[in-house]
C-alpha atoms as a PDB file:
ATOM      1  CA  MET A   1       0.000   0.000   0.000  1.00  0.00           C
ATOM      2  CA  LYS A   2       1.680   3.204  -1.199  1.00  0.00           C
ATOM      3  CA  ALA A   3       1.194   6.386   0.803  1.00  0.00           C
ATOM      4  CA  THR A   4       1.918  10.078   0.415  1.00  0.00           C
ATOM      5  CA  VAL A   5       1.419  13.257   2.442  1.00  0.00           C
ATOM      6  CA  VAL A   6      -1.390  15.583   1.380  1.00  0.00           C
ATOM      7  CA  TYR A   7      -1.333  19.208   2.573  1.00  0.00           C
ATOM      8  CA  LEU A   8      -4.175  21.716   2.570  1.00  0.00           C
ATOM      9  CA  HIS A   9      -3.302  25.417   2.535  1.00  0.00           C
ATOM     10  CA  ALA A  10      -6.330  27.597   3.268  1.00  0.00           C
ATOM     11  CA  ILE A  11      -6.575  30.491   0.816  1.00  0.00           C
ATOM     12  CA  THR A  12      -9.758  31.812   2.451  1.00  0.00           C
ATOM     13  CA  PRO A  13     -11.327  31.071   5.873  1.00  0.00           C
ATOM     14  CA  VAL A  14     -12.690  27.515   6.052  1.00  0.00           C
ATOM     15  CA  HIS A  15     -15.893  26.446   7.789  1.00  0.00           C
ATOM     16  CA  SER A  16     -15.904  22.667   7.996  1.00  0.00           C
ATOM     17  CA  GLY A  17     -18.662  22.355  10.562  1.00  0.00           C
ATOM     18  CA  THR A  18     -20.396  19.856  12.779  1.00  0.00           C
ATOM     19  CA  GLY A  19     -23.917  21.278  12.578  1.00  0.00           C
ATOM     20  CA  GLN A  20     -25.761  23.662  14.861  1.00  0.00           C
ATOM     21  CA  THR A  21     -25.215  23.883  18.625  1.00  0.00           C
ATOM     22  CA  VAL A  22     -26.832  25.777  21.496  1.00  0.00           C
ATOM     23  CA  ALA A  23     -23.507  27.258  22.639  1.00  0.00           C
ATOM     24  CA  VAL A  24     -22.288  30.831  22.110  1.00  0.00           C
ATOM     25  CA  ILE A  25     -21.131  29.927  18.582  1.00  0.00           C
ATOM     26  CA  ASP A  26     -24.124  28.576  16.678  1.00  0.00           C
ATOM     27  CA  LEU A  27     -22.108  26.888  13.908  1.00  0.00           C
ATOM     28  CA  PRO A  28     -18.702  25.743  15.232  1.00  0.00           C
ATOM     29  CA  ILE A  29     -15.948  24.090  13.209  1.00  0.00           C
ATOM     30  CA  ALA A  30     -15.053  20.407  13.457  1.00  0.00           C
ATOM     31  CA  ARG A  31     -12.489  19.662  16.145  1.00  0.00           C
ATOM     32  CA  GLU A  32     -10.683  16.567  17.370  1.00  0.00           C
ATOM     33  CA  LYS A  33     -12.351  15.098  20.435  1.00  0.00           C
ATOM     34  CA  ALA A  34      -9.164  14.498  22.430  1.00  0.00           C
ATOM     35  CA  THR A  35      -7.184  17.644  21.591  1.00  0.00           C
ATOM     36  CA  GLY A  36      -9.808  20.199  20.595  1.00  0.00           C
ATOM     37  CA  TRP A  37      -7.686  21.159  17.571  1.00  0.00           C
ATOM     38  CA  PRO A  38      -9.356  22.057  14.249  1.00  0.00           C
ATOM     39  CA  ILE A  39      -9.708  19.199  11.795  1.00  0.00           C
ATOM     40  CA  ILE A  40     -11.089  18.565   8.309  1.00  0.00           C
ATOM     41  CA  PRO A  41     -12.710  15.106   8.099  1.00  0.00           C
ATOM     42  CA  GLY A  42     -11.385  12.740   5.457  1.00  0.00           C
ATOM     43  CA  SER A  43     -14.928  12.182   4.200  1.00  0.00           C
ATOM     44  CA  SER A  44     -15.175  15.863   3.264  1.00  0.00           C
ATOM     45  CA  MET A  45     -11.847  15.684   1.433  1.00  0.00           C
ATOM     46  CA  LYS A  46     -12.756  12.533  -0.469  1.00  0.00           C
ATOM     47  CA  GLY A  47     -16.116  13.793  -1.666  1.00  0.00           C
ATOM     48  CA  VAL A  48     -14.742  17.102  -2.920  1.00  0.00           C
ATOM     49  CA  ILE A  49     -11.701  15.556  -4.639  1.00  0.00           C
ATOM     50  CA  ARG A  50     -13.935  12.948  -6.296  1.00  0.00           C
ATOM     51  CA  ALA A  51     -16.185  15.692  -7.656  1.00  0.00           C
ATOM     52  CA  ASN A  52     -13.155  17.564  -9.063  1.00  0.00           C
ATOM     53  CA  THR A  53     -11.472  14.502 -10.597  1.00  0.00           C
ATOM     54  CA  PRO A  54     -12.025  14.093 -14.351  1.00  0.00           C
ATOM     55  CA  GLY A  55     -13.241  10.781 -15.749  1.00  0.00           C
ATOM     56  CA  ASP A  56     -16.381   8.702 -16.086  1.00  0.00           C
ATOM     57  CA  GLU A  57     -18.426   7.427 -13.179  1.00  0.00           C
ATOM     58  CA  LYS A  58     -17.092   3.883 -13.491  1.00  0.00           C
ATOM     59  CA  SER A  59     -13.464   4.925 -13.075  1.00  0.00           C
ATOM     60  CA  LYS A  60     -14.415   7.201 -10.166  1.00  0.00           C
ATOM     61  CA  GLU A  61     -16.196   4.344  -8.421  1.00  0.00           C
ATOM     62  CA  ALA A  62     -13.083   2.173  -8.756  1.00  0.00           C
ATOM     63  CA  GLU A  63     -10.889   4.834  -7.158  1.00  0.00           C
ATOM     64  CA  PHE A  64     -13.262   6.483  -4.678  1.00  0.00           C
ATOM     65  CA  GLY A  65     -15.869   3.781  -4.060  1.00  0.00           C
ATOM     66  CA  SER A  66     -19.648   3.589  -4.164  1.00  0.00           C
ATOM     67  CA  GLN A  67     -22.445   2.674  -1.769  1.00  0.00           C
ATOM     68  CA  GLU A  68     -21.823  -1.022  -2.483  1.00  0.00           C
ATOM     69  CA  LYS A  69     -18.025  -1.152  -2.553  1.00  0.00           C
ATOM     70  CA  ALA A  70     -15.105   0.676  -0.952  1.00  0.00           C
ATOM     71  CA  GLY A  71     -12.699   2.512  -3.239  1.00  0.00           C
ATOM     72  CA  GLU A  72      -8.960   2.040  -3.643  1.00  0.00           C
ATOM     73  CA  ILE A  73      -8.020   5.557  -2.465  1.00  0.00           C
ATOM     74  CA  VAL A  74      -7.941   6.145   1.291  1.00  0.00           C
ATOM     75  CA  LEU A  75      -7.840   9.741   2.549  1.00  0.00           C
ATOM     76  CA  THR A  76      -7.246  10.362   6.247  1.00  0.00           C
ATOM     77  CA  ASP A  77      -8.472  13.340   8.251  1.00  0.00           C
ATOM     78  CA  GLN A  78      -6.598  16.572   7.677  1.00  0.00           C
ATOM     79  CA  ARG A  79      -4.999  17.540  10.997  1.00  0.00           C
ATOM     80  CA  ILE A  80      -3.718  20.973  11.891  1.00  0.00           C
ATOM     81  CA  LEU A  81      -0.026  21.509  11.122  1.00  0.00           C
ATOM     82  CA  CYS A  82       0.403  25.300  11.330  1.00  0.00           C
ATOM     83  CA  LEU A  83      -2.040  27.884  12.656  1.00  0.00           C
ATOM     84  CA  PRO A  84      -1.722  31.530  11.529  1.00  0.00           C
ATOM     85  CA  VAL A  85      -1.669  33.905  14.490  1.00  0.00           C
ATOM     86  CA  ARG A  86      -1.496  37.712  14.433  1.00  0.00           C
ATOM     87  CA  SER A  87       1.917  39.084  15.309  1.00  0.00           C
ATOM     88  CA  PHE A  88       2.849  42.627  16.272  1.00  0.00           C
ATOM     89  CA  PHE A  89       5.944  42.231  14.086  1.00  0.00           C
ATOM     90  CA  GLY A  90       6.012  40.300  10.826  1.00  0.00           C
ATOM     91  CA  THR A  91       2.191  40.687  10.438  1.00  0.00           C
ATOM     92  CA  PHE A  92       1.437  37.082  11.400  1.00  0.00           C
ATOM     93  CA  ALA A  93       3.156  33.857  12.391  1.00  0.00           C
ATOM     94  CA  TRP A  94       2.686  30.258  11.275  1.00  0.00           C
ATOM     95  CA  VAL A  95       2.577  28.587  14.683  1.00  0.00           C
ATOM     96  CA  THR A  96       2.916  24.925  15.590  1.00  0.00           C
ATOM     97  CA  CYS A  97       4.018  22.962  18.666  1.00  0.00           C
ATOM     98  CA  PRO A  98       6.125  19.887  19.524  1.00  0.00           C
ATOM     99  CA  LEU A  99       3.095  17.598  19.941  1.00  0.00           C
ATOM    100  CA  VAL A 100       1.707  18.530  16.517  1.00  0.00           C
ATOM    101  CA  LEU A 101       5.083  17.923  14.877  1.00  0.00           C
ATOM    102  CA  ASP A 102       5.785  14.698  16.788  1.00  0.00           C
ATOM    103  CA  ARG A 103       2.411  13.274  15.825  1.00  0.00           C
ATOM    104  CA  PHE A 104       2.903  14.299  12.197  1.00  0.00           C
ATOM    105  CA  VAL A 105       6.292  12.540  12.101  1.00  0.00           C
ATOM    106  CA  LYS A 106       4.966   9.433  13.847  1.00  0.00           C
ATOM    107  CA  ASP A 107       1.901   9.071  11.627  1.00  0.00           C
ATOM    108  CA  MET A 108       3.657   9.663   8.307  1.00  0.00           C
ATOM    109  CA  THR A 109       6.507   7.332   9.255  1.00  0.00           C
ATOM    110  CA  ALA A 110       4.058   4.590  10.240  1.00  0.00           C
ATOM    111  CA  ILE A 111       2.373   4.545   6.819  1.00  0.00           C
ATOM    112  CA  GLY A 112       5.608   4.923   4.858  1.00  0.00           C
ATOM    113  CA  ALA A 113       5.065   8.462   3.557  1.00  0.00           C
ATOM    114  CA  SER A 114       8.086  10.700   2.963  1.00  0.00           C
ATOM    115  CA  LEU A 115       8.592  13.456   5.530  1.00  0.00           C
ATOM    116  CA  PRO A 116       9.524  17.005   4.502  1.00  0.00           C
ATOM    117  CA  PHE A 117      12.227  17.238   7.194  1.00  0.00           C
ATOM    118  CA  THR A 118      14.598  14.989   9.151  1.00  0.00           C
ATOM    119  CA  ALA A 119      15.427  17.198  12.139  1.00  0.00           C
ATOM    120  CA  THR A 120      14.554  16.261  15.702  1.00  0.00           C
ATOM    121  CA  VAL A 121      11.520  18.150  16.977  1.00  0.00           C
ATOM    122  CA  PRO A 122      12.691  20.655  19.617  1.00  0.00           C
ATOM    123  CA  THR A 123      11.232  20.894  23.103  1.00  0.00           C
ATOM    124  CA  VAL A 124       9.430  24.044  24.259  1.00  0.00           C
ATOM    125  CA  ALA A 125       8.825  23.609  27.968  1.00  0.00           C
ATOM    126  CA  ASN A 126       7.746  27.076  29.099  1.00  0.00           C
ATOM    127  CA  GLN A 127       4.457  28.634  28.058  1.00  0.00           C
ATOM    128  CA  ASP A 128       6.124  32.026  27.578  1.00  0.00           C
ATOM    129  CA  ALA A 129       8.827  30.630  25.267  1.00  0.00           C
ATOM    130  CA  CYS A 130       8.991  29.952  21.544  1.00  0.00           C
ATOM    131  CA  LYS A 131      11.467  28.726  18.955  1.00  0.00           C
ATOM    132  CA  VAL A 132      12.020  30.797  15.806  1.00  0.00           C
ATOM    133  CA  CYS A 133      14.365  30.668  12.832  1.00  0.00           C
ATOM    134  CA  PRO A 134      17.455  32.874  12.465  1.00  0.00           C
ATOM    135  CA  GLY A 135      16.517  36.000  10.516  1.00  0.00           C
ATOM    136  CA  THR A 136      12.912  35.829  11.703  1.00  0.00           C
ATOM    137  CA  LYS A 137      10.526  38.752  11.164  1.00  0.00           C
ATOM    138  CA  LEU A 138       8.696  38.030  14.432  1.00  0.00           C
ATOM    139  CA  VAL A 139      11.257  39.237  16.974  1.00  0.00           C
ATOM    140  CA  ASN A 140      11.632  42.821  18.160  1.00  0.00           C
ATOM    141  CA  GLY A 141      13.434  43.821  21.311  1.00  0.00           C
ATOM    142  CA  ASN A 142      14.020  40.189  22.305  1.00  0.00           C
ATOM    143  CA  LYS A 143      10.271  39.507  22.323  1.00  0.00           C
ATOM    144  CA  VAL A 144       7.690  37.863  20.080  1.00  0.00           C
ATOM    145  CA  TYR A 145       4.192  39.305  20.366  1.00  0.00           C
ATOM    146  CA  LEU A 146       1.415  36.934  19.279  1.00  0.00           C
ATOM    147  CA  GLU A 147      -2.061  38.400  19.753  1.00  0.00           C
ATOM    148  CA  ASP A 148      -1.806  39.866  23.302  1.00  0.00           C
ATOM    149  CA  LEU A 149       0.894  37.408  24.413  1.00  0.00           C
ATOM    150  CA  ASP A 150       4.558  38.334  24.768  1.00  0.00           C
ATOM    151  CA  LEU A 151       6.959  35.408  24.396  1.00  0.00           C
ATOM    152  CA  ASN A 152      10.662  34.919  24.933  1.00  0.00           C
ATOM    153  CA  PRO A 153      12.154  33.622  21.664  1.00  0.00           C
ATOM    154  CA  SER A 154      15.235  31.558  21.021  1.00  0.00           C
ATOM    155  CA  GLN A 155      16.639  31.328  17.508  1.00  0.00           C
ATOM    156  CA  ASP A 156      17.253  27.720  16.558  1.00  0.00           C
ATOM    157  CA  ALA A 157      19.086  26.919  13.324  1.00  0.00           C
ATOM    158  CA  ALA A 158      19.617  23.217  13.998  1.00  0.00           C
ATOM    159  CA  SER A 159      15.996  22.068  14.367  1.00  0.00           C
ATOM    160  CA  THR A 160      13.450  24.868  13.937  1.00  0.00           C
ATOM    161  CA  LYS A 161      14.988  26.277  10.755  1.00  0.00           C
ATOM    162  CA  THR A 162      15.383  22.793   9.251  1.00  0.00           C
ATOM    163  CA  ILE A 163      11.754  21.945  10.010  1.00  0.00           C
ATOM    164  CA  GLY A 164      10.515  25.304   8.722  1.00  0.00           C
ATOM    165  CA  GLU A 165      12.515  25.024   5.504  1.00  0.00           C
ATOM    166  CA  GLY A 166      11.300  21.460   4.958  1.00  0.00           C
ATOM    167  CA  ILE A 167       7.629  22.383   5.350  1.00  0.00           C
ATOM    168  CA  ALA A 168       8.100  25.501   3.206  1.00  0.00           C
ATOM    169  CA  LYS A 169       9.687  23.466   0.420  1.00  0.00           C
ATOM    170  CA  ALA A 170       6.782  21.012   0.491  1.00  0.00           C
ATOM    171  CA  LEU A 171       4.156  23.772   0.394  1.00  0.00           C
ATOM    172  CA  PHE A 172       5.540  26.401  -1.974  1.00  0.00           C
ATOM    173  CA  ALA A 173       7.156  26.201  -5.382  1.00  0.00           C
ATOM    174  CA  ASP A 174       8.777  29.657  -5.396  1.00  0.00           C
ATOM    175  CA  GLN A 175      11.675  30.766  -3.219  1.00  0.00           C
ATOM    176  CA  GLN A 176      10.048  34.018  -2.116  1.00  0.00           C
ATOM    177  CA  SER A 177       7.072  32.217  -0.545  1.00  0.00           C
ATOM    178  CA  ARG A 178       9.416  29.747   1.130  1.00  0.00           C
ATOM    179  CA  THR A 179      11.421  32.626   2.615  1.00  0.00           C
ATOM    180  CA  HIS A 180       8.243  34.324   3.874  1.00  0.00           C
ATOM    181  CA  PHE A 181       7.207  31.079   5.599  1.00  0.00           C
ATOM    182  CA  VAL A 182      10.546  30.446   7.314  1.00  0.00           C
ATOM    183  CA  GLU A 183      10.730  34.068   8.503  1.00  0.00           C
ATOM    184  CA  ARG A 184       7.323  33.663  10.178  1.00  0.00           C
ATOM    185  CA  PHE A 185       7.601  30.068  11.423  1.00  0.00           C
ATOM    186  CA  ALA A 186       7.409  29.582  15.208  1.00  0.00           C
ATOM    187  CA  ILE A 187       7.164  26.620  17.576  1.00  0.00           C
ATOM    188  CA  VAL A 188       5.394  27.280  20.881  1.00  0.00           C
ATOM    189  CA  SER A 189       4.559  25.046  23.833  1.00  0.00           C
ATOM    190  CA  ASP A 190       1.753  22.485  23.574  1.00  0.00           C
ATOM    191  CA  GLU A 191      -0.263  24.346  26.207  1.00  0.00           C
ATOM    192  CA  LEU A 192      -0.001  27.660  24.376  1.00  0.00           C
ATOM    193  CA  PHE A 193      -0.914  26.016  21.077  1.00  0.00           C
ATOM    194  CA  ASN A 194      -4.037  24.598  22.734  1.00  0.00           C
ATOM    195  CA  PHE A 195      -4.992  28.108  23.821  1.00  0.00           C
ATOM    196  CA  LEU A 196      -4.377  29.593  20.367  1.00  0.00           C
ATOM    197  CA  SER A 197      -6.334  26.810  18.652  1.00  0.00           C
ATOM    198  CA  GLU A 198      -9.300  27.512  20.905  1.00  0.00           C
ATOM    199  CA  ASN A 199      -9.199  31.299  20.705  1.00  0.00           C
ATOM    200  CA  GLY A 200      -7.440  32.045  17.412  1.00  0.00           C
ATOM    201  CA  THR A 201     -10.237  31.088  15.021  1.00  0.00           C
ATOM    202  CA  GLU A 202     -12.566  33.546  13.275  1.00  0.00           C
ATOM    203  CA  VAL A 203     -16.127  34.076  14.500  1.00  0.00           C
ATOM    204  CA  ALA A 204     -18.414  35.989  12.142  1.00  0.00           C
ATOM    205  CA  ALA A 205     -21.949  37.239  12.699  1.00  0.00           C
ATOM    206  CA  ARG A 206     -24.288  36.220   9.865  1.00  0.00           C
ATOM    207  CA  ILE A 207     -27.854  37.173   8.980  1.00  0.00           C
ATOM    208  CA  ALA A 208     -30.370  36.174   6.326  1.00  0.00           C
ATOM    209  CA  LEU A 209     -32.349  38.936   4.614  1.00  0.00           C
ATOM    210  CA  ASP A 210     -36.018  38.641   3.784  1.00  0.00           C
ATOM    211  CA  PRO A 211     -36.126  39.126  -0.037  1.00  0.00           C
ATOM    212  CA  GLU A 212     -39.484  40.899   0.187  1.00  0.00           C
ATOM    213  CA  THR A 213     -38.640  43.469   2.863  1.00  0.00           C
ATOM    214  CA  GLY A 214     -34.856  43.612   2.629  1.00  0.00           C
ATOM    215  CA  THR A 215     -34.621  43.377   6.427  1.00  0.00           C
ATOM    216  CA  THR A 216     -33.921  40.696   8.990  1.00  0.00           C
ATOM    217  CA  SER A 217     -37.338  40.963  10.585  1.00  0.00           C
ATOM    218  CA  GLY A 218     -39.445  37.839  10.965  1.00  0.00           C
ATOM    219  CA  GLY A 219     -38.395  34.222  11.285  1.00  0.00           C
ATOM    220  CA  LYS A 220     -36.137  34.176   8.190  1.00  0.00           C
ATOM    221  CA  GLY A 221     -33.425  36.579   9.283  1.00  0.00           C
ATOM    222  CA  ASN A 222     -32.232  35.505  12.692  1.00  0.00           C
ATOM    223  CA  LEU A 223     -28.713  36.451  13.704  1.00  0.00           C
ATOM    224  CA  TRP A 224     -26.249  33.594  14.119  1.00  0.00           C
ATOM    225  CA  TYR A 225     -22.511  33.225  14.788  1.00  0.00           C
ATOM    226  CA  GLU A 226     -20.316  31.052  12.620  1.00  0.00           C
ATOM    227  CA  GLU A 227     -16.749  29.866  13.249  1.00  0.00           C
ATOM    228  CA  ALA A 228     -14.001  29.319  10.672  1.00  0.00           C
ATOM    229  CA  VAL A 229     -10.319  28.507  10.660  1.00  0.00           C
ATOM    230  CA  PRO A 230      -8.447  31.561   9.320  1.00  0.00           C
ATOM    231  CA  ALA A 231      -6.869  31.924   5.904  1.00  0.00           C
ATOM    232  CA  GLU A 232      -3.255  30.643   5.746  1.00  0.00           C
ATOM    233  CA  THR A 233      -4.008  27.674   8.036  1.00  0.00           C
ATOM    234  CA  ILE A 234      -2.065  24.578   7.006  1.00  0.00           C
ATOM    235  CA  PHE A 235      -3.420  21.054   7.454  1.00  0.00           C
ATOM    236  CA  ALA A 236      -1.729  17.739   6.712  1.00  0.00           C
ATOM    237  CA  GLY A 237      -3.053  14.229   6.189  1.00  0.00           C
ATOM    238  CA  ALA A 238      -2.282  11.142   4.148  1.00  0.00           C
ATOM    239  CA  ALA A 239      -3.453   9.457   0.973  1.00  0.00           C
ATOM    240  CA  LEU A 240      -3.031   5.706   0.520  1.00  0.00           C
ATOM    241  CA  HIS A 241      -3.757   3.378  -2.414  1.00  0.00           C
ATOM    242  CA  ALA A 242      -5.152   0.034  -1.274  1.00  0.00           C
ATOM    243  CA  ASN A 243      -4.255  -1.817  -4.492  1.00  0.00           C
ATOM    244  CA  GLY A 244      -0.581  -0.935  -4.562  1.00  0.00           C
ATOM    245  CA  GLY A 245      -1.042   1.932  -6.994  1.00  0.00           C
ATOM    246  CA  ASP A 246       0.383   5.395  -6.532  1.00  0.00           C
ATOM    247  CA  PRO A 247      -2.083   7.846  -4.919  1.00  0.00           C
ATOM    248  CA  LYS A 248      -0.169  10.717  -6.523  1.00  0.00           C
ATOM    249  CA  THR A 249      -1.410   9.689  -9.958  1.00  0.00           C
ATOM    250  CA  VAL A 250      -5.000  10.114  -8.775  1.00  0.00           C
ATOM    251  CA  LEU A 251      -4.542  13.320  -6.753  1.00  0.00           C
ATOM    252  CA  ASN A 252      -1.943  15.300  -8.702  1.00  0.00           C
ATOM    253  CA  GLY A 253      -4.591  16.766 -10.986  1.00  0.00           C
ATOM    254  CA  THR A 254      -6.344  18.419  -8.042  1.00  0.00           C
ATOM    255  CA  LYS A 255      -4.774  21.796  -7.287  1.00  0.00           C
ATOM    256  CA  TYR A 256      -7.617  23.745  -5.639  1.00  0.00           C
ATOM    257  CA  ILE A 257     -10.769  22.610  -3.858  1.00  0.00           C
ATOM    258  CA  GLN A 258     -13.582  24.174  -1.866  1.00  0.00           C
ATOM    259  CA  ILE A 259     -14.070  22.600   1.560  1.00  0.00           C
ATOM    260  CA  GLY A 260     -17.044  23.075   3.872  1.00  0.00           C
ATOM    261  CA  GLY A 261     -19.900  25.543   3.661  1.00  0.00           C
ATOM    262  CA  ASN A 262     -20.454  29.070   2.316  1.00  0.00           C
ATOM    263  CA  ALA A 263     -18.827  28.603  -1.084  1.00  0.00           C
ATOM    264  CA  SER A 264     -20.982  31.444  -2.458  1.00  0.00           C
ATOM    265  CA  VAL A 265     -19.361  33.934  -0.062  1.00  0.00           C
ATOM    266  CA  GLY A 266     -15.836  32.738  -0.786  1.00  0.00           C
ATOM    267  CA  ARG A 267     -15.269  30.434   2.186  1.00  0.00           C
ATOM    268  CA  GLY A 268     -13.346  27.164   2.030  1.00  0.00           C
ATOM    269  CA  LEU A 269     -11.005  27.717  -0.920  1.00  0.00           C
ATOM    270  CA  CYS A 270      -7.881  25.617  -0.352  1.00  0.00           C
ATOM    271  CA  ARG A 271      -4.736  24.753  -2.223  1.00  0.00           C
ATOM    272  CA  VAL A 272      -3.980  21.006  -2.382  1.00  0.00           C
ATOM    273  CA  ILE A 273      -0.328  19.944  -2.312  1.00  0.00           C
ATOM    274  CA  VAL A 274       0.511  16.272  -2.761  1.00  0.00           C
ATOM    275  CA  GLY A 275       3.863  15.464  -1.149  1.00  0.00           C
END
């Protein structure tokens, strides 16, 4: 069974939801049960990629399956790899943590997929600390300011820069984009990443207008709040071919997809990168 890494790079905010709740946010995003981190279910990925893959229905059923038979392509859930967080310097940071990176390495190694880096994942023990790359845009006055948090950075060429450069090379074809990524790449503690994943998403107020009155009055225009992962979020998962084929041959034709709801208002546009 051949396997490869599949990355999703959010071009616009993505709302991959779980339905309506009675909490403060009416339409929350999908999150992992154990960690609470944002996730895009593999079923969502598979359905969208199938719809965007050229070919007749018979060939699609062989690759992606039907109600009667499972397909040959297996797509895992897309787990968070880097979360964009506002930064006082450098505009924003692509933030990850040791647990995210360790799990990514463990999972991809287990299925035989090639990793974008070989460096050992560094440890970040203190919640007010972070690892950044030499030449970073995030540091000013020996501090990194993410949202309203001030962190003590340490520049790490051995591990953090190697990891950042590896991920950048996998995600971007041009050198300028790779440089921008490395300059804004940061590794924070697991606890701080949990906090940012919970509080760093977008929450937008939405209304529905009555076409006859042009107002929100009546039962058709109630106000609701909707959550989305921000643009520039990076997810990673795996694609496997059950029959020994190469999943890259099936997925390489898919460059952009729309994930989740609100396609008509520009939500969910993602770049697909097959490792």
